[in-house]
């Protein structure tokens, strides 16, 4: 009797609905909360982390680590040595940045890239959108035209540069067609026309890739919008400006950003077309100067400082472009 009363008293002392603590002193609700937190941290599909791990490792090893190491080099008096040779590389603060930013050659290279971007980015965005819209409405030979625009993009720059050198040299086809209107000195050896000619070449070569991006974006615009606009009497231009352009705004942001990054990393085209930034540095790019400073002149600290300045500049330009092209987000 005493045992039963003791058990009953203990049982009656528990409030209805009160859960019994589990082993380890944690309630089921606590364990469920912890599980939800782990799920939120790993995402809805934790297995996706496993599949994305190789690319994350690639980004960290090939992009993030070199960028971080470049920042370290830019703040030190750094120079190349033989393997396993230990030398003192003192911290110099902003000295490398001051040297780079006050260098007239660096200043001119950024001005050259400014000219390039002013010509290349609007042409790339405008032509690729117009051509993609035209290709999207072509019914015959659609595949032929798409491949034709994409071939220059996948062709090696060395191969197509030879064609452009033939076209724009002093006695080339372009000058033969222009006759007395041909510039003298010719296009690629003219200090005023060298960089615009390079910008036209890059626009032509990269156009196929951006056309494909716009073609993919155009597939997401409902055809009913064009039909409604046609019923209301809207012309093709009205439909393009009020339906197509807003409908591919996200693609325009991407194309603008990629074109800017391409221009900021310009190296191969002026190196091949103008013989290494000529004439007299009129087509020199910051990346080409980084190559000269770091590899040819043995000043990797100055090259790293120039690279960091270039990255910061591209990020600022990309932010401004996103505001102007993409608009304000809700």
C-alpha atoms as a PDB file:
ATOM      1  CA  UNK A   1       0.000   0.000   0.000  1.00  0.00           C
ATOM      2  CA  UNK A   2       2.740   2.443   0.851  1.00  0.00           C
ATOM      3  CA  UNK A   3       4.514   1.775  -2.428  1.00  0.00           C
ATOM      4  CA  UNK A   4       1.359   2.309  -4.472  1.00  0.00           C
ATOM      5  CA  UNK A   5       0.597   5.552  -2.668  1.00  0.00           C
ATOM      6  CA  UNK A   6       4.129   6.776  -3.184  1.00  0.00           C
ATOM      7  CA  UNK A   7       3.960   6.004  -6.929  1.00  0.00           C
ATOM      8  CA  UNK A   8       0.563   7.598  -7.182  1.00  0.00           C
ATOM      9  CA  UNK A   9       1.785  10.700  -5.374  1.00  0.00           C
ATOM     10  CA  UNK A  10       4.709  11.003  -7.725  1.00  0.00           C
ATOM     11  CA  UNK A  11       2.487  10.563 -10.760  1.00  0.00           C
ATOM     12  CA  UNK A  12      -0.036  13.081  -9.517  1.00  0.00           C
ATOM     13  CA  UNK A  13       2.728  15.641  -8.984  1.00  0.00           C
ATOM     14  CA  UNK A  14       3.234  15.995 -12.769  1.00  0.00           C
ATOM     15  CA  UNK A  15       1.152  18.557 -14.535  1.00  0.00           C
ATOM     16  CA  UNK A  16      -0.978  17.408 -17.465  1.00  0.00           C
ATOM     17  CA  UNK A  17       0.686  18.022 -20.843  1.00  0.00           C
ATOM     18  CA  UNK A  18       4.155  18.285 -19.307  1.00  0.00           C
ATOM     19  CA  UNK A  19       6.680  16.153 -21.208  1.00  0.00           C
ATOM     20  CA  UNK A  20       9.135  13.950 -19.439  1.00  0.00           C
ATOM     21  CA  UNK A  21      12.764  15.013 -19.981  1.00  0.00           C
ATOM     22  CA  UNK A  22      14.650  12.643 -22.273  1.00  0.00           C
ATOM     23  CA  UNK A  23      18.050  11.189 -21.774  1.00  0.00           C
ATOM     24  CA  UNK A  24      20.692  13.875 -21.668  1.00  0.00           C
ATOM     25  CA  UNK A  25      18.289  16.458 -20.196  1.00  0.00           C
ATOM     26  CA  UNK A  26      17.050  17.759 -23.618  1.00  0.00           C
ATOM     27  CA  UNK A  27      13.374  17.921 -24.478  1.00  0.00           C
ATOM     28  CA  UNK A  28      12.054  16.783 -27.901  1.00  0.00           C
ATOM     29  CA  UNK A  29      11.199  20.379 -28.761  1.00  0.00           C
ATOM     30  CA  UNK A  30      14.819  21.416 -28.186  1.00  0.00           C
ATOM     31  CA  UNK A  31      16.079  18.664 -30.439  1.00  0.00           C
ATOM     32  CA  UNK A  32      13.621  19.617 -33.180  1.00  0.00           C
ATOM     33  CA  UNK A  33      14.693  23.261 -32.943  1.00  0.00           C
ATOM     34  CA  UNK A  34      18.352  22.296 -33.206  1.00  0.00           C
ATOM     35  CA  UNK A  35      17.577  20.086 -36.214  1.00  0.00           C
ATOM     36  CA  UNK A  36      15.751  22.952 -37.928  1.00  0.00           C
ATOM     37  CA  UNK A  37      18.715  25.256 -37.339  1.00  0.00           C
ATOM     38  CA  UNK A  38      21.089  22.726 -38.852  1.00  0.00           C
ATOM     39  CA  UNK A  39      18.759  22.337 -41.835  1.00  0.00           C
ATOM     40  CA  UNK A  40      18.558  26.090 -42.359  1.00  0.00           C
ATOM     41  CA  UNK A  41      22.356  26.368 -42.151  1.00  0.00           C
ATOM     42  CA  UNK A  42      22.905  23.599 -44.714  1.00  0.00           C
ATOM     43  CA  UNK A  43      20.026  24.698 -46.949  1.00  0.00           C
ATOM     44  CA  UNK A  44      17.044  22.781 -48.223  1.00  0.00           C
ATOM     45  CA  UNK A  45      19.250  20.303 -50.082  1.00  0.00           C
ATOM     46  CA  UNK A  46      22.412  19.614 -48.034  1.00  0.00           C
ATOM     47  CA  UNK A  47      23.548  17.194 -50.726  1.00  0.00           C
ATOM     48  CA  UNK A  48      24.000  20.171 -53.031  1.00  0.00           C
ATOM     49  CA  UNK A  49      26.961  21.278 -50.918  1.00  0.00           C
ATOM     50  CA  UNK A  50      28.729  18.071 -51.868  1.00  0.00           C
ATOM     51  CA  UNK A  51      28.190  18.642 -55.581  1.00  0.00           C
ATOM     52  CA  UNK A  52      29.253  22.302 -55.382  1.00  0.00           C
ATOM     53  CA  UNK A  53      32.343  21.550 -53.272  1.00  0.00           C
ATOM     54  CA  UNK A  54      34.720  21.020 -56.262  1.00  0.00           C
ATOM     55  CA  UNK A  55      33.797  24.398 -57.751  1.00  0.00           C
ATOM     56  CA  UNK A  56      34.077  26.116 -54.356  1.00  0.00           C
ATOM     57  CA  UNK A  57      37.541  24.624 -53.939  1.00  0.00           C
ATOM     58  CA  UNK A  58      38.430  25.823 -57.431  1.00  0.00           C
ATOM     59  CA  UNK A  59      37.238  29.365 -56.648  1.00  0.00           C
ATOM     60  CA  UNK A  60      39.177  29.444 -53.376  1.00  0.00           C
ATOM     61  CA  UNK A  61      42.355  28.018 -54.858  1.00  0.00           C
ATOM     62  CA  UNK A  62      42.440  29.742 -58.250  1.00  0.00           C
ATOM     63  CA  UNK A  63      40.728  33.074 -57.543  1.00  0.00           C
ATOM     64  CA  UNK A  64      40.361  33.897 -53.850  1.00  0.00           C
ATOM     65  CA  UNK A  65      43.832  32.848 -52.677  1.00  0.00           C
ATOM     66  CA  UNK A  66      45.725  34.595 -55.525  1.00  0.00           C
ATOM     67  CA  UNK A  67      43.693  37.760 -54.953  1.00  0.00           C
ATOM     68  CA  UNK A  68      44.417  37.705 -51.232  1.00  0.00           C
ATOM     69  CA  UNK A  69      48.099  37.039 -51.891  1.00  0.00           C
ATOM     70  CA  UNK A  70      48.190  39.904 -54.392  1.00  0.00           C
ATOM     71  CA  UNK A  71      46.853  42.242 -51.700  1.00  0.00           C
ATOM     72  CA  UNK A  72      49.639  41.026 -49.380  1.00  0.00           C
ATOM     73  CA  UNK A  73      52.305  41.584 -52.061  1.00  0.00           C
ATOM     74  CA  UNK A  74      51.013  45.080 -52.812  1.00  0.00           C
ATOM     75  CA  UNK A  75      51.805  46.226 -49.266  1.00  0.00           C
ATOM     76  CA  UNK A  76      55.385  44.853 -49.243  1.00  0.00           C
ATOM     77  CA  UNK A  77      58.644  45.434 -51.052  1.00  0.00           C
ATOM     78  CA  UNK A  78      58.256  42.162 -52.887  1.00  0.00           C
ATOM     79  CA  UNK A  79      60.509  40.626 -55.538  1.00  0.00           C
ATOM     80  CA  UNK A  80      61.068  37.212 -57.022  1.00  0.00           C
ATOM     81  CA  UNK A  81      63.844  34.960 -55.734  1.00  0.00           C
ATOM     82  CA  UNK A  82      65.107  31.462 -56.342  1.00  0.00           C
ATOM     83  CA  UNK A  83      63.069  28.650 -54.743  1.00  0.00           C
ATOM     84  CA  UNK A  84      63.564  28.191 -50.962  1.00  0.00           C
ATOM     85  CA  UNK A  85      65.621  31.391 -50.707  1.00  0.00           C
ATOM     86  CA  UNK A  86      64.508  33.436 -47.717  1.00  0.00           C
ATOM     87  CA  UNK A  87      64.878  37.207 -48.010  1.00  0.00           C
ATOM     88  CA  UNK A  88      63.419  40.139 -46.147  1.00  0.00           C
ATOM     89  CA  UNK A  89      60.393  41.711 -47.788  1.00  0.00           C
ATOM     90  CA  UNK A  90      59.563  44.720 -45.586  1.00  0.00           C
ATOM     91  CA  UNK A  91      56.135  46.251 -45.212  1.00  0.00           C
ATOM     92  CA  UNK A  92      55.936  49.527 -47.164  1.00  0.00           C
ATOM     93  CA  UNK A  93      52.317  50.519 -46.596  1.00  0.00           C
ATOM     94  CA  UNK A  94      50.778  52.513 -49.444  1.00  0.00           C
ATOM     95  CA  UNK A  95      54.083  53.250 -51.167  1.00  0.00           C
ATOM     96  CA  UNK A  96      53.392  50.880 -54.074  1.00  0.00           C
ATOM     97  CA  UNK A  97      49.932  52.340 -54.578  1.00  0.00           C
ATOM     98  CA  UNK A  98      51.297  55.893 -54.634  1.00  0.00           C
ATOM     99  CA  UNK A  99      53.955  54.885 -57.153  1.00  0.00           C
ATOM    100  CA  UNK A 100      51.388  53.226 -59.385  1.00  0.00           C
ATOM    101  CA  UNK A 101      48.747  55.951 -59.239  1.00  0.00           C
ATOM    102  CA  UNK A 102      51.283  58.702 -59.998  1.00  0.00           C
ATOM    103  CA  UNK A 103      52.784  56.844 -62.963  1.00  0.00           C
ATOM    104  CA  UNK A 104      51.787  58.605 -66.233  1.00  0.00           C
ATOM    105  CA  UNK A 105      51.774  55.274 -68.086  1.00  0.00           C
ATOM    106  CA  UNK A 106      49.260  53.835 -65.613  1.00  0.00           C
ATOM    107  CA  UNK A 107      47.078  56.918 -65.820  1.00  0.00           C
ATOM    108  CA  UNK A 108      47.063  56.712 -69.605  1.00  0.00           C
ATOM    109  CA  UNK A 109      46.212  52.993 -69.519  1.00  0.00           C
ATOM    110  CA  UNK A 110      43.128  53.708 -67.419  1.00  0.00           C
ATOM    111  CA  UNK A 111      42.165  56.491 -69.837  1.00  0.00           C
ATOM    112  CA  UNK A 112      42.547  53.993 -72.698  1.00  0.00           C
ATOM    113  CA  UNK A 113      40.292  51.518 -70.933  1.00  0.00           C
ATOM    114  CA  UNK A 114      37.770  54.313 -70.339  1.00  0.00           C
ATOM    115  CA  UNK A 115      37.693  54.976 -74.105  1.00  0.00           C
ATOM    116  CA  UNK A 116      37.350  51.258 -74.738  1.00  0.00           C
ATOM    117  CA  UNK A 117      34.422  50.846 -72.336  1.00  0.00           C
ATOM    118  CA  UNK A 118      32.592  53.912 -73.645  1.00  0.00           C
ATOM    119  CA  UNK A 119      32.662  52.397 -77.134  1.00  0.00           C
ATOM    120  CA  UNK A 120      32.468  48.677 -76.405  1.00  0.00           C
ATOM    121  CA  UNK A 121      29.811  48.377 -73.677  1.00  0.00           C
ATOM    122  CA  UNK A 122      26.990  50.370 -75.362  1.00  0.00           C
ATOM    123  CA  UNK A 123      27.726  48.701 -78.706  1.00  0.00           C
ATOM    124  CA  UNK A 124      27.766  45.253 -77.121  1.00  0.00           C
ATOM    125  CA  UNK A 125      24.501  45.739 -75.244  1.00  0.00           C
ATOM    126  CA  UNK A 126      22.679  47.463 -78.112  1.00  0.00           C
ATOM    127  CA  UNK A 127      23.813  45.252 -80.993  1.00  0.00           C
ATOM    128  CA  UNK A 128      23.449  41.979 -79.112  1.00  0.00           C
ATOM    129  CA  UNK A 129      19.910  42.871 -77.997  1.00  0.00           C
ATOM    130  CA  UNK A 130      18.795  44.020 -81.461  1.00  0.00           C
ATOM    131  CA  UNK A 131      20.343  41.013 -83.210  1.00  0.00           C
ATOM    132  CA  UNK A 132      18.997  38.584 -80.615  1.00  0.00           C
ATOM    133  CA  UNK A 133      15.519  40.034 -81.036  1.00  0.00           C
ATOM    134  CA  UNK A 134      15.817  39.680 -84.819  1.00  0.00           C
ATOM    135  CA  UNK A 135      17.132  36.120 -84.565  1.00  0.00           C
ATOM    136  CA  UNK A 136      14.332  35.235 -82.171  1.00  0.00           C
ATOM    137  CA  UNK A 137      11.778  36.056 -84.887  1.00  0.00           C
ATOM    138  CA  UNK A 138      13.587  34.399 -87.775  1.00  0.00           C
ATOM    139  CA  UNK A 139      11.738  31.331 -89.026  1.00  0.00           C
ATOM    140  CA  UNK A 140      14.118  30.087 -91.748  1.00  0.00           C
ATOM    141  CA  UNK A 141      17.809  29.247 -91.302  1.00  0.00           C
ATOM    142  CA  UNK A 142      17.582  30.137 -87.605  1.00  0.00           C
ATOM    143  CA  UNK A 143      20.320  27.671 -86.603  1.00  0.00           C
ATOM    144  CA  UNK A 144      22.606  28.871 -89.406  1.00  0.00           C
ATOM    145  CA  UNK A 145      22.404  32.497 -88.298  1.00  0.00           C
ATOM    146  CA  UNK A 146      22.918  31.658 -84.619  1.00  0.00           C
ATOM    147  CA  UNK A 147      26.004  29.600 -85.378  1.00  0.00           C
ATOM    148  CA  UNK A 148      27.330  32.302 -87.698  1.00  0.00           C
ATOM    149  CA  UNK A 149      27.241  34.891 -84.939  1.00  0.00           C
ATOM    150  CA  UNK A 150      28.780  32.506 -82.414  1.00  0.00           C
ATOM    151  CA  UNK A 151      31.723  31.306 -84.558  1.00  0.00           C
ATOM    152  CA  UNK A 152      33.949  34.399 -83.958  1.00  0.00           C
ATOM    153  CA  UNK A 153      33.546  33.982 -80.189  1.00  0.00           C
ATOM    154  CA  UNK A 154      34.859  30.401 -80.163  1.00  0.00           C
ATOM    155  CA  UNK A 155      37.590  31.089 -82.734  1.00  0.00           C
ATOM    156  CA  UNK A 156      41.058  31.719 -81.340  1.00  0.00           C
ATOM    157  CA  UNK A 157      42.007  35.390 -81.166  1.00  0.00           C
ATOM    158  CA  UNK A 158      45.301  34.725 -82.943  1.00  0.00           C
ATOM    159  CA  UNK A 159      43.418  33.434 -85.993  1.00  0.00           C
ATOM    160  CA  UNK A 160      40.927  36.288 -86.328  1.00  0.00           C
ATOM    161  CA  UNK A 161      43.526  38.961 -85.514  1.00  0.00           C
ATOM    162  CA  UNK A 162      45.281  38.055 -88.748  1.00  0.00           C
ATOM    163  CA  UNK A 163      42.106  38.849 -90.677  1.00  0.00           C
ATOM    164  CA  UNK A 164      41.716  42.219 -88.965  1.00  0.00           C
ATOM    165  CA  UNK A 165      45.347  43.109 -89.585  1.00  0.00           C
ATOM    166  CA  UNK A 166      44.750  42.417 -93.270  1.00  0.00           C
ATOM    167  CA  UNK A 167      41.597  44.559 -93.267  1.00  0.00           C
ATOM    168  CA  UNK A 168      42.912  47.577 -91.340  1.00  0.00           C
ATOM    169  CA  UNK A 169      46.547  47.845 -92.394  1.00  0.00           C
ATOM    170  CA  UNK A 170      47.778  50.749 -94.492  1.00  0.00           C
ATOM    171  CA  UNK A 171      47.089  48.965 -97.780  1.00  0.00           C
ATOM    172  CA  UNK A 172      44.243  46.851 -96.397  1.00  0.00           C
ATOM    173  CA  UNK A 173      40.777  46.276 -97.754  1.00  0.00           C
ATOM    174  CA  UNK A 174      39.102  48.932 -95.583  1.00  0.00           C
ATOM    175  CA  UNK A 175      41.450  51.698 -96.728  1.00  0.00           C
ATOM    176  CA  UNK A 176      41.081  50.563-100.332  1.00  0.00           C
ATOM    177  CA  UNK A 177      37.302  50.936-100.058  1.00  0.00           C
ATOM    178  CA  UNK A 178      37.520  54.318 -98.314  1.00  0.00           C
ATOM    179  CA  UNK A 179      40.055  55.674-100.776  1.00  0.00           C
ATOM    180  CA  UNK A 180      40.887  59.325 -99.995  1.00  0.00           C
ATOM    181  CA  UNK A 181      38.789  59.125 -96.811  1.00  0.00           C
ATOM    182  CA  UNK A 182      41.148  56.549 -95.290  1.00  0.00           C
ATOM    183  CA  UNK A 183      42.990  57.801 -92.189  1.00  0.00           C
ATOM    184  CA  UNK A 184      46.694  58.477 -92.349  1.00  0.00           C
ATOM    185  CA  UNK A 185      48.407  57.007 -90.332  1.00  0.00           C
ATOM    186  CA  UNK A 186      46.239  53.934 -90.650  1.00  0.00           C
ATOM    187  CA  UNK A 187      43.832  52.575 -88.042  1.00  0.00           C
ATOM    188  CA  UNK A 188      46.049  50.449 -85.813  1.00  0.00           C
ATOM    189  CA  UNK A 189      49.057  52.771 -85.932  1.00  0.00           C
ATOM    190  CA  UNK A 190      47.035  55.918 -85.334  1.00  0.00           C
ATOM    191  CA  UNK A 191      47.152  57.160 -81.741  1.00  0.00           C
ATOM    192  CA  UNK A 192      43.544  58.416 -81.983  1.00  0.00           C
ATOM    193  CA  UNK A 193      42.064  55.374 -83.730  1.00  0.00           C
ATOM    194  CA  UNK A 194      44.021  52.449 -82.266  1.00  0.00           C
ATOM    195  CA  UNK A 195      41.892  51.900 -79.153  1.00  0.00           C
ATOM    196  CA  UNK A 196      38.520  52.493 -80.919  1.00  0.00           C
ATOM    197  CA  UNK A 197      39.578  49.915 -83.527  1.00  0.00           C
ATOM    198  CA  UNK A 198      40.452  47.436 -80.762  1.00  0.00           C
ATOM    199  CA  UNK A 199      37.060  48.150 -79.161  1.00  0.00           C
ATOM    200  CA  UNK A 200      35.283  47.388 -82.451  1.00  0.00           C
ATOM    201  CA  UNK A 201      37.233  44.151 -82.806  1.00  0.00           C
ATOM    202  CA  UNK A 202      36.348  42.976 -79.289  1.00  0.00           C
ATOM    203  CA  UNK A 203      32.697  43.933 -79.827  1.00  0.00           C
ATOM    204  CA  UNK A 204      32.548  41.886 -83.024  1.00  0.00           C
ATOM    205  CA  UNK A 205      34.335  38.897 -81.498  1.00  0.00           C
ATOM    206  CA  UNK A 206      32.326  38.734 -78.259  1.00  0.00           C
ATOM    207  CA  UNK A 207      28.939  39.516 -79.799  1.00  0.00           C
ATOM    208  CA  UNK A 208      27.849  35.907 -80.339  1.00  0.00           C
ATOM    209  CA  UNK A 209      28.098  35.015 -76.672  1.00  0.00           C
ATOM    210  CA  UNK A 210      25.969  37.957 -75.567  1.00  0.00           C
ATOM    211  CA  UNK A 211      23.424  37.246 -78.300  1.00  0.00           C
ATOM    212  CA  UNK A 212      22.913  33.796 -76.796  1.00  0.00           C
ATOM    213  CA  UNK A 213      22.340  35.337 -73.366  1.00  0.00           C
ATOM    214  CA  UNK A 214      19.674  37.636 -74.754  1.00  0.00           C
ATOM    215  CA  UNK A 215      18.083  34.808 -76.739  1.00  0.00           C
ATOM    216  CA  UNK A 216      17.686  32.842 -73.517  1.00  0.00           C
ATOM    217  CA  UNK A 217      16.128  35.872 -71.806  1.00  0.00           C
ATOM    218  CA  UNK A 218      13.706  36.473 -74.689  1.00  0.00           C
ATOM    219  CA  UNK A 219      12.212  33.012 -74.227  1.00  0.00           C
ATOM    220  CA  UNK A 220      10.826  34.144 -70.847  1.00  0.00           C
ATOM    221  CA  UNK A 221       8.738  36.987 -72.320  1.00  0.00           C
ATOM    222  CA  UNK A 222       5.137  35.816 -72.880  1.00  0.00           C
ATOM    223  CA  UNK A 223       4.066  36.038 -76.510  1.00  0.00           C
ATOM    224  CA  UNK A 224       0.661  37.271 -75.353  1.00  0.00           C
ATOM    225  CA  UNK A 225       2.206  40.637 -74.479  1.00  0.00           C
ATOM    226  CA  UNK A 226       3.242  41.205 -78.094  1.00  0.00           C
ATOM    227  CA  UNK A 227      -0.163  40.071 -79.351  1.00  0.00           C
ATOM    228  CA  UNK A 228      -1.947  42.471 -76.993  1.00  0.00           C
ATOM    229  CA  UNK A 229       0.308  45.335 -78.051  1.00  0.00           C
ATOM    230  CA  UNK A 230      -0.346  44.557 -81.732  1.00  0.00           C
ATOM    231  CA  UNK A 231      -4.119  44.550 -81.129  1.00  0.00           C
ATOM    232  CA  UNK A 232      -3.813  47.952 -79.430  1.00  0.00           C
ATOM    233  CA  UNK A 233      -2.027  49.296 -82.492  1.00  0.00           C
ATOM    234  CA  UNK A 234       1.506  49.278 -81.105  1.00  0.00           C
ATOM    235  CA  UNK A 235       4.243  49.328 -83.753  1.00  0.00           C
ATOM    236  CA  UNK A 236       7.261  47.005 -83.735  1.00  0.00           C
ATOM    237  CA  UNK A 237       9.352  49.770 -82.201  1.00  0.00           C
ATOM    238  CA  UNK A 238       6.788  50.351 -79.439  1.00  0.00           C
ATOM    239  CA  UNK A 239       6.684  46.627 -78.716  1.00  0.00           C
ATOM    240  CA  UNK A 240      10.485  46.445 -78.613  1.00  0.00           C
ATOM    241  CA  UNK A 241      10.895  49.458 -76.334  1.00  0.00           C
ATOM    242  CA  UNK A 242       8.020  48.755 -73.948  1.00  0.00           C
ATOM    243  CA  UNK A 243       8.033  44.939 -73.826  1.00  0.00           C
ATOM    244  CA  UNK A 244      11.377  43.544 -74.957  1.00  0.00           C
ATOM    245  CA  UNK A 245      13.718  45.987 -73.241  1.00  0.00           C
ATOM    246  CA  UNK A 246      12.047  45.772 -69.795  1.00  0.00           C
ATOM    247  CA  UNK A 247      11.587  42.014 -70.197  1.00  0.00           C
ATOM    248  CA  UNK A 248      15.325  41.376 -70.590  1.00  0.00           C
ATOM    249  CA  UNK A 249      16.509  43.870 -67.976  1.00  0.00           C
ATOM    250  CA  UNK A 250      18.166  41.189 -65.845  1.00  0.00           C
ATOM    251  CA  UNK A 251      20.049  39.928 -68.908  1.00  0.00           C
ATOM    252  CA  UNK A 252      21.085  43.505 -69.710  1.00  0.00           C
ATOM    253  CA  UNK A 253      22.610  43.837 -66.246  1.00  0.00           C
ATOM    254  CA  UNK A 254      24.559  40.615 -66.799  1.00  0.00           C
ATOM    255  CA  UNK A 255      25.709  41.578 -70.300  1.00  0.00           C
ATOM    256  CA  UNK A 256      26.818  45.025 -69.118  1.00  0.00           C
ATOM    257  CA  UNK A 257      28.753  43.536 -66.214  1.00  0.00           C
ATOM    258  CA  UNK A 258      30.455  40.872 -68.338  1.00  0.00           C
ATOM    259  CA  UNK A 259      31.361  43.388 -71.048  1.00  0.00           C
ATOM    260  CA  UNK A 260      32.888  45.668 -68.414  1.00  0.00           C
ATOM    261  CA  UNK A 261      34.925  42.837 -66.910  1.00  0.00           C
ATOM    262  CA  UNK A 262      36.104  41.842 -70.397  1.00  0.00           C
ATOM    263  CA  UNK A 263      37.238  45.381 -71.101  1.00  0.00           C
ATOM    264  CA  UNK A 264      38.981  45.751 -67.761  1.00  0.00           C
ATOM    265  CA  UNK A 265      40.959  42.549 -68.431  1.00  0.00           C
ATOM    266  CA  UNK A 266      41.921  43.551 -71.964  1.00  0.00           C
ATOM    267  CA  UNK A 267      45.304  42.102 -72.899  1.00  0.00           C
ATOM    268  CA  UNK A 268      45.363  39.743 -75.879  1.00  0.00           C
ATOM    269  CA  UNK A 269      43.723  42.061 -78.413  1.00  0.00           C
ATOM    270  CA  UNK A 270      45.982  45.148 -78.052  1.00  0.00           C
ATOM    271  CA  UNK A 271      49.004  42.887 -77.609  1.00  0.00           C
ATOM    272  CA  UNK A 272      48.359  41.240 -80.979  1.00  0.00           C
ATOM    273  CA  UNK A 273      46.693  44.025 -82.962  1.00  0.00           C
ATOM    274  CA  UNK A 274      48.934  46.968 -82.048  1.00  0.00           C
ATOM    275  CA  UNK A 275      52.185  45.194 -81.232  1.00  0.00           C
ATOM    276  CA  UNK A 276      51.939  45.586 -77.468  1.00  0.00           C
ATOM    277  CA  UNK A 277      49.971  48.733 -76.715  1.00  0.00           C
ATOM    278  CA  UNK A 278      51.185  50.972 -79.522  1.00  0.00           C
ATOM    279  CA  UNK A 279      51.498  53.457 -80.923  1.00  0.00           C
ATOM    280  CA  UNK A 280      53.294  55.095 -77.993  1.00  0.00           C
ATOM    281  CA  UNK A 281      50.992  53.524 -75.395  1.00  0.00           C
ATOM    282  CA  UNK A 282      47.760  54.627 -77.099  1.00  0.00           C
ATOM    283  CA  UNK A 283      46.240  51.148 -76.698  1.00  0.00           C
ATOM    284  CA  UNK A 284      48.004  49.995 -73.531  1.00  0.00           C
ATOM    285  CA  UNK A 285      45.710  48.432 -70.943  1.00  0.00           C
ATOM    286  CA  UNK A 286      46.260  48.108 -67.171  1.00  0.00           C
ATOM    287  CA  UNK A 287      46.552  44.329 -67.476  1.00  0.00           C
ATOM    288  CA  UNK A 288      49.263  44.735 -70.118  1.00  0.00           C
ATOM    289  CA  UNK A 289      51.127  47.081 -67.759  1.00  0.00           C
ATOM    290  CA  UNK A 290      50.778  44.488 -64.991  1.00  0.00           C
ATOM    291  CA  UNK A 291      52.446  41.986 -67.309  1.00  0.00           C
ATOM    292  CA  UNK A 292      55.251  44.423 -68.059  1.00  0.00           C
ATOM    293  CA  UNK A 293      55.802  45.400 -64.413  1.00  0.00           C
ATOM    294  CA  UNK A 294      55.511  41.966 -62.876  1.00  0.00           C
ATOM    295  CA  UNK A 295      57.118  39.723 -65.493  1.00  0.00           C
ATOM    296  CA  UNK A 296      59.347  41.818 -67.745  1.00  0.00           C
ATOM    297  CA  UNK A 297      60.562  44.392 -65.201  1.00  0.00           C
ATOM    298  CA  UNK A 298      60.529  42.181 -62.091  1.00  0.00           C
ATOM    299  CA  UNK A 299      58.313  44.439 -59.940  1.00  0.00           C
ATOM    300  CA  UNK A 300      55.490  42.164 -58.767  1.00  0.00           C
ATOM    301  CA  UNK A 301      54.668  44.503 -55.886  1.00  0.00           C
ATOM    302  CA  UNK A 302      53.789  47.333 -58.279  1.00  0.00           C
ATOM    303  CA  UNK A 303      51.893  44.931 -60.540  1.00  0.00           C
ATOM    304  CA  UNK A 304      49.902  43.636 -57.555  1.00  0.00           C
ATOM    305  CA  UNK A 305      49.059  47.181 -56.444  1.00  0.00           C
ATOM    306  CA  UNK A 306      47.853  47.997 -59.960  1.00  0.00           C
ATOM    307  CA  UNK A 307      45.762  44.824 -59.973  1.00  0.00           C
ATOM    308  CA  UNK A 308      44.083  45.712 -56.674  1.00  0.00           C
ATOM    309  CA  UNK A 309      43.283  49.212 -57.944  1.00  0.00           C
ATOM    310  CA  UNK A 310      41.833  47.674 -61.100  1.00  0.00           C
ATOM    311  CA  UNK A 311      39.620  45.272 -59.121  1.00  0.00           C
ATOM    312  CA  UNK A 312      38.293  48.094 -56.943  1.00  0.00           C
ATOM    313  CA  UNK A 313      37.615  50.226 -60.010  1.00  0.00           C
ATOM    314  CA  UNK A 314      35.726  47.431 -61.774  1.00  0.00           C
ATOM    315  CA  UNK A 315      33.613  46.784 -58.678  1.00  0.00           C
ATOM    316  CA  UNK A 316      32.674  50.464 -58.445  1.00  0.00           C
ATOM    317  CA  UNK A 317      31.801  50.648 -62.137  1.00  0.00           C
ATOM    318  CA  UNK A 318      29.763  47.435 -61.878  1.00  0.00           C
ATOM    319  CA  UNK A 319      27.837  48.859 -58.910  1.00  0.00           C
ATOM    320  CA  UNK A 320      27.038  52.050 -60.811  1.00  0.00           C
ATOM    321  CA  UNK A 321      25.995  50.081 -63.885  1.00  0.00           C
ATOM    322  CA  UNK A 322      23.710  47.866 -61.841  1.00  0.00           C
ATOM    323  CA  UNK A 323      22.009  50.951 -60.454  1.00  0.00           C
ATOM    324  CA  UNK A 324      21.606  52.534 -63.864  1.00  0.00           C
ATOM    325  CA  UNK A 325      20.683  49.463 -65.907  1.00  0.00           C
ATOM    326  CA  UNK A 326      19.012  47.267 -63.319  1.00  0.00           C
ATOM    327  CA  UNK A 327      17.104  49.972 -61.496  1.00  0.00           C
ATOM    328  CA  UNK A 328      16.257  49.996 -57.805  1.00  0.00           C
ATOM    329  CA  UNK A 329      15.214  46.758 -56.204  1.00  0.00           C
ATOM    330  CA  UNK A 330      12.211  46.543 -53.915  1.00  0.00           C
END
